[in-house]
């Protein structure tokens, strides 16, 4: 996979409590330079990123219920609505992990639907990714999470916030690909720092890569298919 091809599969990410305006400006500039699919930034920076990227093909992604997923569903819905109004194109929401582990699947579904409902009511095509934080879940909970996310209208399932006990794992990607329909994407995120790691995730079934080391990943890719 050449530089331009893998770049278009990457969400160039900067998240966390020490992120400042200049960090967001940098990732937006790099996203346009390298042709990344999206930038993924904290909700407080959505308006800024939307303004910086308005003349480009780069999407603006932000996080909802981040990083633990323990917000009430009403809060997640409101947060999603504000993000869309601020210009977000993609919403990476953290599922209610406690409910998932408790096998309270009705609550899990309603939690996700609070965000997918906002997306579907928008006049724009909003992508919803459900973060399952696979490193915290049992195999049963992983399977249930994927099935519920798809049934609740998610466009993608995602492996990790990047703040959990582990990042993207090949076996989790394979499990996700086995469980969701072909039209549901899989975002591998957490600990992906180079081209070889990114390619391993893609070969396992990932359709999107979330990374803060996006430039390093692209620079490790060949310039052409020769």
Protein backbone atom coordinates (compact mmCIF):
# COMPACT_ATOMS: atom_id res chain seq x y z
CA UNK A 1 0.00 0.00 0.00
CA UNK A 2 1.55 3.29 -1.11
CA UNK A 3 1.72 6.54 0.86
CA UNK A 4 -1.44 8.13 -0.55
CA UNK A 5 -3.49 4.96 -0.10
CA UNK A 6 -2.65 4.39 3.53
CA UNK A 7 -2.86 8.10 4.35
CA UNK A 8 -6.49 8.12 3.23
CA UNK A 9 -7.23 5.39 5.80
CA UNK A 10 -5.84 7.36 8.77
CA UNK A 11 -7.53 9.55 11.38
CA UNK A 12 -4.71 11.89 12.40
CA UNK A 13 -5.26 12.16 16.13
CA UNK A 14 -4.42 14.52 18.96
CA UNK A 15 -6.41 13.96 22.15
CA UNK A 16 -5.75 14.52 25.81
CA UNK A 17 -5.69 17.03 28.66
CA UNK A 18 -2.54 18.83 27.53
CA UNK A 19 -3.66 19.41 23.92
CA UNK A 20 -3.48 23.09 22.99
CA UNK A 21 -4.60 25.15 20.02
CA UNK A 22 -1.23 24.89 18.26
CA UNK A 23 -1.45 21.09 18.37
CA UNK A 24 -4.78 21.19 16.58
CA UNK A 25 -3.44 23.64 14.02
CA UNK A 26 -0.50 21.31 13.40
CA UNK A 27 -2.58 18.17 12.85
CA UNK A 28 -4.93 20.04 10.54
CA UNK A 29 -1.99 21.29 8.49
CA UNK A 30 -0.42 17.81 8.38
CA UNK A 31 -3.74 16.21 7.45
CA UNK A 32 -4.01 18.43 4.40
CA UNK A 33 -0.36 17.95 3.48
CA UNK A 34 -0.42 14.14 3.65
CA UNK A 35 -4.03 13.51 2.65
CA UNK A 36 -5.32 11.92 5.84
CA UNK A 37 -8.97 10.91 5.99
CA UNK A 38 -9.74 12.94 9.12
CA UNK A 39 -8.36 14.70 12.14
CA UNK A 40 -9.63 13.41 15.49
CA UNK A 41 -9.66 16.08 18.16
CA UNK A 42 -11.36 16.95 21.46
CA UNK A 43 -14.84 18.52 21.28
CA UNK A 44 -13.61 21.95 22.39
CA UNK A 45 -11.54 22.19 19.20
CA UNK A 46 -14.17 21.11 16.67
CA UNK A 47 -15.06 24.66 15.60
CA UNK A 48 -11.40 25.51 15.10
CA UNK A 49 -10.66 22.36 13.10
CA UNK A 50 -13.80 22.81 11.01
CA UNK A 51 -12.74 26.33 10.13
CA UNK A 52 -9.18 25.30 9.27
CA UNK A 53 -10.31 22.39 7.09
CA UNK A 54 -13.35 23.92 5.41
CA UNK A 55 -11.62 24.19 2.01
CA UNK A 56 -10.16 20.66 2.17
CA UNK A 57 -11.36 17.07 1.82
CA UNK A 58 -10.25 16.21 5.37
CA UNK A 59 -13.09 15.32 7.75
CA UNK A 60 -13.37 16.52 11.34
CA UNK A 61 -13.82 13.73 13.88
CA UNK A 62 -14.37 14.21 17.59
CA UNK A 63 -15.03 12.07 20.65
CA UNK A 64 -18.24 11.58 22.63
CA UNK A 65 -18.47 10.22 26.19
CA UNK A 66 -14.69 10.11 26.22
CA UNK A 67 -12.69 8.34 27.53
CA UNK A 68 -14.65 6.01 29.82
CA UNK A 69 -18.11 5.90 28.25
CA UNK A 70 -19.76 6.41 31.64
CA UNK A 71 -21.69 9.55 30.69
CA UNK A 72 -25.48 9.26 30.68
CA UNK A 73 -27.05 8.66 27.29
CA UNK A 74 -28.75 12.08 27.37
CA UNK A 75 -25.35 13.71 27.88
CA UNK A 76 -23.89 11.79 24.96
CA UNK A 77 -26.77 12.81 22.75
CA UNK A 78 -26.39 16.46 23.68
CA UNK A 79 -22.62 16.30 23.24
CA UNK A 80 -23.11 14.76 19.79
CA UNK A 81 -25.58 17.47 18.80
CA UNK A 82 -23.23 20.27 19.83
CA UNK A 83 -20.34 18.59 17.99
CA UNK A 84 -22.37 18.34 14.77
CA UNK A 85 -23.46 21.96 15.10
CA UNK A 86 -19.80 22.95 15.56
CA UNK A 87 -18.90 21.18 12.31
CA UNK A 88 -17.96 17.61 13.21
CA UNK A 89 -18.31 15.08 10.39
CA UNK A 90 -17.52 11.98 12.45
CA UNK A 91 -18.35 11.03 16.05
CA UNK A 92 -16.19 8.51 17.91
CA UNK A 93 -18.37 7.59 20.89
CA UNK A 94 -17.41 5.38 23.82
CA UNK A 95 -20.03 2.73 24.55
CA UNK A 96 -21.42 2.19 28.04
CA UNK A 97 -18.87 -0.43 29.09
CA UNK A 98 -20.39 -1.01 32.53
CA UNK A 99 -23.74 -1.91 31.00
CA UNK A 100 -22.00 -4.12 28.46
CA UNK A 101 -20.17 -6.04 31.18
CA UNK A 102 -23.42 -6.30 33.17
CA UNK A 103 -25.11 -7.75 30.06
CA UNK A 104 -27.61 -4.90 30.15
CA UNK A 105 -27.79 -4.87 26.39
CA UNK A 106 -30.91 -2.69 26.19
CA UNK A 107 -29.02 0.12 27.94
CA UNK A 108 -26.02 -0.36 25.65
CA UNK A 109 -28.23 -0.09 22.56
CA UNK A 110 -30.02 3.04 23.84
CA UNK A 111 -26.66 4.59 24.70
CA UNK A 112 -25.38 4.14 21.15
CA UNK A 113 -28.69 5.19 19.62
CA UNK A 114 -28.49 8.51 21.47
CA UNK A 115 -25.61 9.36 19.15
CA UNK A 116 -26.67 7.60 15.95
CA UNK A 117 -30.08 9.33 16.19
CA UNK A 118 -28.33 12.71 16.16
CA UNK A 119 -26.28 11.66 13.15
CA UNK A 120 -29.29 10.43 11.18
CA UNK A 121 -31.26 13.63 11.83
CA UNK A 122 -28.45 15.80 10.49
CA UNK A 123 -28.67 17.23 7.00
CA UNK A 124 -25.04 16.15 6.55
CA UNK A 125 -23.66 12.62 6.29
CA UNK A 126 -22.33 12.03 9.82
CA UNK A 127 -20.25 8.93 10.54
CA UNK A 128 -20.62 7.27 13.96
CA UNK A 129 -17.86 5.01 15.32
CA UNK A 130 -18.47 3.03 18.52
CA UNK A 131 -15.44 2.56 20.75
CA UNK A 132 -15.63 -0.72 22.64
CA UNK A 133 -12.31 -0.47 24.58
CA UNK A 134 -11.57 -4.11 23.82
CA UNK A 135 -8.82 -4.36 26.43
CA UNK A 136 -11.41 -4.05 29.21
CA UNK A 137 -13.97 -6.50 27.85
CA UNK A 138 -14.52 -10.22 28.01
CA UNK A 139 -14.84 -12.10 24.73
CA UNK A 140 -18.59 -12.32 25.31
CA UNK A 141 -18.82 -8.57 25.86
CA UNK A 142 -16.71 -7.87 22.77
CA UNK A 143 -19.04 -9.98 20.65
CA UNK A 144 -22.15 -8.41 22.13
CA UNK A 145 -20.73 -4.91 21.69
CA UNK A 146 -20.06 -5.40 18.00
CA UNK A 147 -23.51 -6.86 17.34
CA UNK A 148 -25.31 -4.14 19.32
CA UNK A 149 -23.27 -1.35 17.70
CA UNK A 150 -24.21 -2.56 14.24
CA UNK A 151 -27.87 -3.00 15.23
CA UNK A 152 -27.94 0.50 16.70
CA UNK A 153 -26.86 2.11 13.44
CA UNK A 154 -23.12 2.56 13.92
CA UNK A 155 -21.02 3.00 10.80
CA UNK A 156 -17.86 1.64 12.44
CA UNK A 157 -16.65 -0.21 15.51
CA UNK A 158 -13.38 0.86 17.09
CA UNK A 159 -10.87 -1.00 19.26
CA UNK A 160 -9.72 1.55 21.81
CA UNK A 161 -9.70 5.11 23.10
CA UNK A 162 -5.93 4.98 23.36
CA UNK A 163 -6.32 5.49 27.11
CA UNK A 164 -7.26 1.92 28.02
CA UNK A 165 -5.05 -0.95 29.22
CA UNK A 166 -4.19 -1.99 25.67
CA UNK A 167 -4.45 -0.66 22.17
CA UNK A 168 -5.36 -2.32 18.92
CA UNK A 169 -4.83 -6.08 18.80
CA UNK A 170 -4.83 -8.24 15.66
CA UNK A 171 -7.13 -10.84 17.20
CA UNK A 172 -9.67 -8.18 18.14
CA UNK A 173 -9.68 -6.83 14.59
CA UNK A 174 -10.28 -10.33 13.24
CA UNK A 175 -13.11 -10.86 15.73
CA UNK A 176 -14.74 -7.57 14.78
CA UNK A 177 -14.49 -8.39 11.08
CA UNK A 178 -16.11 -11.75 11.72
CA UNK A 179 -19.04 -10.20 13.59
CA UNK A 180 -20.03 -7.08 11.66
CA UNK A 181 -21.33 -6.77 8.13
CA UNK A 182 -19.00 -5.80 5.29
CA UNK A 183 -20.49 -2.31 5.14
CA UNK A 184 -19.59 -1.64 8.79
CA UNK A 185 -16.07 -0.29 9.09
CA UNK A 186 -13.45 -1.22 11.67
CA UNK A 187 -11.16 1.39 13.19
CA UNK A 188 -7.94 0.12 14.76
CA UNK A 189 -6.69 2.62 17.32
CA UNK A 190 -4.18 2.58 20.14
CA UNK A 191 -0.44 1.98 19.93
CA UNK A 192 -0.09 1.96 16.14
CA UNK A 193 3.19 3.74 15.55
CA UNK A 194 4.61 2.63 12.20
CA UNK A 195 3.74 1.42 8.72
CA UNK A 196 4.22 -2.29 9.46
CA UNK A 197 1.88 -2.14 12.46
CA UNK A 198 -0.73 -0.26 10.44
CA UNK A 199 -0.52 -2.74 7.57
CA UNK A 200 -0.93 -5.67 9.97
CA UNK A 201 -4.19 -4.11 11.19
CA UNK A 202 -5.41 -3.48 7.64
CA UNK A 203 -4.58 -7.03 6.59
CA UNK A 204 -6.56 -8.30 9.60
CA UNK A 205 -9.62 -6.35 8.46
CA UNK A 206 -9.28 -2.74 9.64
CA UNK A 207 -10.69 -0.11 7.30
CA UNK A 208 -9.47 2.89 9.28
CA UNK A 209 -6.43 3.57 11.46
CA UNK A 210 -6.46 6.00 14.37
CA UNK A 211 -2.99 7.26 15.25
CA UNK A 212 -1.00 10.17 16.58
CA UNK A 213 2.05 8.82 14.71
CA UNK A 214 0.32 9.23 11.37
CA UNK A 215 3.19 11.01 9.65
CA UNK A 216 5.62 8.27 10.73
CA UNK A 217 3.24 5.63 9.36
CA UNK A 218 2.96 7.33 5.98
CA UNK A 219 6.68 8.03 5.72
CA UNK A 220 7.32 4.29 6.15
CA UNK A 221 5.11 3.44 3.15
CA UNK A 222 6.47 3.07 -0.38
CA UNK A 223 6.03 5.99 -2.78
CA UNK A 224 4.68 3.76 -5.54
CA UNK A 225 3.61 0.18 -6.13
CA UNK A 226 6.75 -0.57 -8.21
